[in-house]
């Protein structure tokens, strides 16, 4: 499924600067998906834009906010991770991101 950038104004920075994705060679994970991998939740309230590499945890935008959240599929919980996608990348690269 292709996500139209204009349907997710919260993710403008993702579509403008990160749509090619980001890959961590050491962790062997695309912690930010390319635009071909991005998808919406069934209810249209979350945009899945990356993964933590363990337990099916994914990074998401939520409607109405540029913040990035970790989505824990086992419990259906969301946990705030960064104020924006740049903050997610910075936290990942410095090791400050905990899931």
N, C-alpha and C. Protein backbone atom coordinates (compact mmCIF):
# COMPACT_ATOMS: atom_id res chain seq x y z
N UNK A 1 0.85 -1.19 0.00
CA UNK A 1 0.00 0.00 0.00
C UNK A 1 0.88 1.24 0.00
N UNK A 2 0.60 2.15 -0.86
CA UNK A 2 1.33 3.41 -0.92
C UNK A 2 0.57 4.46 -0.12
N UNK A 3 1.29 5.18 0.72
CA UNK A 3 0.69 6.24 1.53
C UNK A 3 0.92 7.57 0.83
N UNK A 4 -0.13 8.33 0.63
CA UNK A 4 -0.02 9.65 0.00
C UNK A 4 0.48 10.65 1.05
N UNK A 5 1.60 11.32 0.78
CA UNK A 5 2.15 12.27 1.74
C UNK A 5 1.16 13.35 2.18
N UNK A 6 0.28 13.79 1.28
CA UNK A 6 -0.64 14.87 1.65
C UNK A 6 -1.72 14.41 2.64
N UNK A 7 -1.85 13.10 2.86
CA UNK A 7 -2.82 12.62 3.84
C UNK A 7 -2.22 12.56 5.25
N UNK A 8 -0.91 12.80 5.35
CA UNK A 8 -0.23 12.78 6.65
C UNK A 8 0.62 14.04 6.83
N UNK A 9 -0.03 15.18 7.10
CA UNK A 9 0.75 16.41 7.32
C UNK A 9 1.69 16.30 8.53
N UNK A 10 1.36 15.41 9.46
CA UNK A 10 2.22 15.19 10.63
C UNK A 10 3.59 14.65 10.23
N UNK A 11 3.64 13.98 9.08
CA UNK A 11 4.85 13.31 8.63
C UNK A 11 5.56 14.05 7.50
N UNK A 12 5.34 15.35 7.38
CA UNK A 12 5.96 16.13 6.30
C UNK A 12 7.47 15.95 6.28
N UNK A 13 8.12 16.03 7.44
CA UNK A 13 9.58 15.88 7.47
C UNK A 13 10.01 14.48 7.04
N UNK A 14 9.26 13.47 7.41
CA UNK A 14 9.58 12.12 6.94
C UNK A 14 9.57 12.09 5.41
N UNK A 15 8.47 12.51 4.81
CA UNK A 15 8.34 12.43 3.36
C UNK A 15 9.34 13.33 2.64
N UNK A 16 9.72 14.44 3.25
CA UNK A 16 10.65 15.37 2.62
C UNK A 16 12.10 14.92 2.75
N UNK A 17 12.49 14.41 3.93
CA UNK A 17 13.91 14.15 4.19
C UNK A 17 14.29 12.70 4.48
N UNK A 18 13.33 11.85 4.77
CA UNK A 18 13.65 10.48 5.22
C UNK A 18 13.01 9.38 4.38
N UNK A 19 12.37 9.71 3.30
CA UNK A 19 11.61 8.71 2.53
C UNK A 19 12.48 7.62 1.91
N UNK A 20 13.80 7.81 1.87
CA UNK A 20 14.67 6.75 1.41
C UNK A 20 15.00 5.77 2.53
N UNK A 21 14.59 6.11 3.77
CA UNK A 21 14.81 5.24 4.93
C UNK A 21 16.18 5.42 5.55
N UNK A 22 16.37 4.78 6.69
CA UNK A 22 17.67 4.77 7.37
C UNK A 22 17.92 3.35 7.87
N UNK A 23 19.12 2.85 7.62
CA UNK A 23 19.48 1.49 7.99
C UNK A 23 20.66 1.52 8.94
N UNK A 24 20.57 0.72 9.98
CA UNK A 24 21.67 0.57 10.93
C UNK A 24 22.40 -0.72 10.57
N UNK A 25 23.61 -0.59 10.06
CA UNK A 25 24.37 -1.78 9.63
C UNK A 25 24.69 -2.72 10.77
N UNK A 26 25.08 -2.18 11.92
CA UNK A 26 25.44 -3.04 13.05
C UNK A 26 24.23 -3.81 13.57
N UNK A 27 23.10 -3.13 13.70
CA UNK A 27 21.89 -3.78 14.20
C UNK A 27 21.18 -4.58 13.10
N UNK A 28 21.59 -4.34 11.85
CA UNK A 28 20.97 -5.00 10.70
C UNK A 28 19.46 -4.79 10.67
N UNK A 29 19.07 -3.52 10.81
CA UNK A 29 17.66 -3.18 10.80
C UNK A 29 17.46 -1.82 10.14
N UNK A 30 16.37 -1.71 9.38
CA UNK A 30 15.97 -0.41 8.83
C UNK A 30 15.13 0.26 9.90
N UNK A 31 15.75 1.07 10.73
CA UNK A 31 15.01 1.67 11.84
C UNK A 31 14.06 2.77 11.37
N UNK A 32 14.29 3.29 10.16
CA UNK A 32 13.31 4.16 9.50
C UNK A 32 13.06 3.54 8.13
N UNK A 33 11.81 3.23 7.85
CA UNK A 33 11.44 2.58 6.59
C UNK A 33 11.59 3.51 5.39
N UNK A 34 11.80 2.91 4.23
CA UNK A 34 11.69 3.66 2.99
C UNK A 34 10.21 3.89 2.72
N UNK A 35 9.90 4.81 1.84
CA UNK A 35 8.50 5.13 1.58
C UNK A 35 7.71 3.93 1.04
N UNK A 36 8.39 2.97 0.45
CA UNK A 36 7.70 1.77 -0.05
C UNK A 36 7.22 0.87 1.09
N UNK A 37 7.83 0.99 2.27
CA UNK A 37 7.48 0.15 3.41
C UNK A 37 6.49 0.81 4.38
N UNK A 38 6.34 2.11 4.30
CA UNK A 38 5.46 2.85 5.20
C UNK A 38 4.02 2.40 4.98
N UNK A 39 3.27 2.30 6.07
CA UNK A 39 1.87 1.91 5.95
C UNK A 39 1.05 2.54 7.06
N UNK A 40 -0.25 2.64 6.82
CA UNK A 40 -1.20 3.15 7.81
C UNK A 40 -1.80 2.00 8.59
N UNK A 41 -2.20 2.30 9.83
CA UNK A 41 -2.96 1.32 10.60
C UNK A 41 -4.34 1.17 9.98
N UNK A 42 -5.01 0.09 10.30
CA UNK A 42 -6.34 -0.15 9.74
C UNK A 42 -7.32 0.96 10.08
N UNK A 43 -7.18 1.55 11.28
CA UNK A 43 -8.10 2.63 11.67
C UNK A 43 -7.65 4.00 11.15
N UNK A 44 -6.48 4.07 10.48
CA UNK A 44 -5.99 5.31 9.91
C UNK A 44 -5.42 6.30 10.91
N UNK A 45 -5.20 5.86 12.14
CA UNK A 45 -4.71 6.75 13.19
C UNK A 45 -3.21 6.70 13.42
N UNK A 46 -2.53 5.70 12.87
CA UNK A 46 -1.09 5.56 13.03
C UNK A 46 -0.45 5.37 11.65
N UNK A 47 0.75 5.93 11.52
CA UNK A 47 1.56 5.74 10.31
C UNK A 47 2.85 5.06 10.76
N UNK A 48 3.04 3.82 10.33
CA UNK A 48 4.21 3.03 10.70
C UNK A 48 5.39 3.45 9.83
N UNK A 49 6.46 3.97 10.48
CA UNK A 49 7.57 4.52 9.71
C UNK A 49 8.92 3.88 10.02
N UNK A 50 8.96 2.90 10.91
CA UNK A 50 10.23 2.26 11.24
C UNK A 50 10.04 1.15 12.24
N UNK A 51 11.16 0.50 12.59
CA UNK A 51 11.08 -0.60 13.55
C UNK A 51 12.30 -0.58 14.47
N UNK A 52 12.08 -1.13 15.64
CA UNK A 52 13.14 -1.19 16.63
C UNK A 52 14.04 -2.40 16.44
N UNK A 53 13.54 -3.43 15.76
CA UNK A 53 14.34 -4.61 15.51
C UNK A 53 14.08 -5.74 16.48
N UNK A 54 13.13 -5.58 17.40
CA UNK A 54 12.82 -6.64 18.37
C UNK A 54 11.34 -6.64 18.69
N UNK A 55 10.80 -7.82 18.90
CA UNK A 55 9.43 -8.01 19.39
C UNK A 55 8.35 -7.33 18.56
N UNK A 56 8.63 -7.05 17.30
CA UNK A 56 7.63 -6.42 16.43
C UNK A 56 7.36 -4.96 16.74
N UNK A 57 8.20 -4.34 17.57
CA UNK A 57 8.02 -2.94 17.94
C UNK A 57 8.29 -2.06 16.73
N UNK A 58 7.36 -1.14 16.46
CA UNK A 58 7.50 -0.23 15.33
C UNK A 58 7.38 1.22 15.79
N UNK A 59 7.98 2.11 15.02
CA UNK A 59 7.88 3.54 15.28
C UNK A 59 6.75 4.10 14.45
N UNK A 60 5.95 4.97 15.06
CA UNK A 60 4.76 5.49 14.39
C UNK A 60 4.58 6.98 14.64
N UNK A 61 3.91 7.60 13.67
CA UNK A 61 3.30 8.91 13.88
C UNK A 61 1.87 8.63 14.31
N UNK A 62 1.31 9.54 15.09
CA UNK A 62 -0.11 9.50 15.43
C UNK A 62 -0.76 10.74 14.83
N UNK A 63 -1.99 10.61 14.45
CA UNK A 63 -2.71 11.75 13.86
C UNK A 63 -2.61 12.96 14.78
N UNK A 64 -2.32 14.11 14.17
CA UNK A 64 -2.32 15.37 14.90
C UNK A 64 -1.03 15.76 15.57
N UNK A 65 0.05 14.97 15.41
CA UNK A 65 1.29 15.28 16.10
C UNK A 65 2.50 14.84 15.30
N UNK A 66 3.58 15.65 15.30
CA UNK A 66 4.82 15.24 14.64
C UNK A 66 5.68 14.34 15.53
N UNK A 67 5.23 14.07 16.77
CA UNK A 67 5.98 13.22 17.69
C UNK A 67 6.06 11.80 17.16
N UNK A 68 7.10 11.09 17.58
CA UNK A 68 7.28 9.69 17.21
C UNK A 68 7.05 8.83 18.45
N UNK A 69 6.30 7.76 18.25
CA UNK A 69 5.94 6.84 19.33
C UNK A 69 6.42 5.44 18.97
N UNK A 70 6.71 4.64 19.98
CA UNK A 70 6.96 3.21 19.77
C UNK A 70 5.63 2.50 19.99
N UNK A 71 5.27 1.64 19.05
CA UNK A 71 4.05 0.85 19.16
C UNK A 71 4.45 -0.58 19.51
N UNK A 72 3.92 -1.05 20.64
CA UNK A 72 4.19 -2.40 21.14
C UNK A 72 2.99 -3.28 20.79
N UNK A 73 3.09 -4.10 19.75
CA UNK A 73 1.92 -4.83 19.26
C UNK A 73 1.38 -5.89 20.21
N UNK A 74 2.20 -6.44 21.07
CA UNK A 74 1.72 -7.49 21.97
C UNK A 74 0.63 -6.95 22.89
N UNK A 75 0.86 -5.76 23.46
CA UNK A 75 -0.11 -5.15 24.37
C UNK A 75 -0.93 -4.04 23.72
N UNK A 76 -0.53 -3.62 22.52
CA UNK A 76 -1.21 -2.52 21.86
C UNK A 76 -0.88 -1.17 22.48
N UNK A 77 0.23 -1.10 23.21
CA UNK A 77 0.63 0.14 23.90
C UNK A 77 1.44 1.05 22.99
N UNK A 78 1.38 2.33 23.29
CA UNK A 78 2.19 3.34 22.62
C UNK A 78 3.04 4.03 23.68
N UNK A 79 4.31 4.29 23.35
CA UNK A 79 5.21 4.98 24.27
C UNK A 79 5.94 6.08 23.51
N UNK A 80 5.89 7.30 24.01
CA UNK A 80 6.52 8.44 23.36
C UNK A 80 8.03 8.23 23.28
N UNK A 81 8.62 8.58 22.11
CA UNK A 81 10.06 8.41 21.92
C UNK A 81 10.79 9.68 21.50
N UNK A 82 10.17 10.54 20.70
CA UNK A 82 10.89 11.73 20.22
C UNK A 82 9.90 12.79 19.76
N UNK A 83 10.34 14.05 19.79
CA UNK A 83 9.51 15.16 19.37
C UNK A 83 9.28 15.20 17.86
N UNK A 84 10.17 14.55 17.12
CA UNK A 84 10.06 14.53 15.65
C UNK A 84 10.98 13.44 15.11
N UNK A 85 10.96 13.27 13.81
CA UNK A 85 11.77 12.19 13.22
C UNK A 85 13.26 12.46 13.33
N UNK A 86 13.67 13.72 13.31
CA UNK A 86 15.09 14.03 13.50
C UNK A 86 15.54 13.59 14.89
N UNK A 87 14.68 13.82 15.87
CA UNK A 87 14.99 13.39 17.24
C UNK A 87 15.08 11.88 17.36
N UNK A 88 14.23 11.16 16.62
CA UNK A 88 14.30 9.70 16.61
C UNK A 88 15.64 9.24 16.05
N UNK A 89 16.03 9.80 14.92
CA UNK A 89 17.30 9.41 14.32
C UNK A 89 18.48 9.72 15.25
N UNK A 90 18.46 10.89 15.83
CA UNK A 90 19.54 11.30 16.75
C UNK A 90 19.61 10.35 17.94
N UNK A 91 18.46 10.04 18.55
CA UNK A 91 18.43 9.14 19.70
C UNK A 91 18.89 7.74 19.31
N UNK A 92 18.51 7.28 18.14
CA UNK A 92 18.97 5.96 17.67
C UNK A 92 20.48 5.94 17.53
N UNK A 93 21.03 6.94 16.86
CA UNK A 93 22.47 6.96 16.57
C UNK A 93 23.32 7.14 17.82
N UNK A 94 22.81 7.84 18.82
CA UNK A 94 23.58 8.05 20.04
C UNK A 94 23.36 6.95 21.08
N UNK A 95 22.42 6.08 20.82
CA UNK A 95 22.12 5.01 21.76
C UNK A 95 21.19 5.43 22.89
N UNK A 96 20.63 6.64 22.78
CA UNK A 96 19.74 7.14 23.83
C UNK A 96 18.33 6.56 23.72
N UNK A 97 17.99 5.98 22.57
CA UNK A 97 16.66 5.43 22.37
C UNK A 97 16.53 4.08 23.05
N UNK A 98 15.56 3.94 23.91
CA UNK A 98 15.31 2.69 24.63
C UNK A 98 13.91 2.20 24.34
N UNK A 99 13.80 0.92 24.00
CA UNK A 99 12.49 0.32 23.77
C UNK A 99 12.34 -0.94 24.62
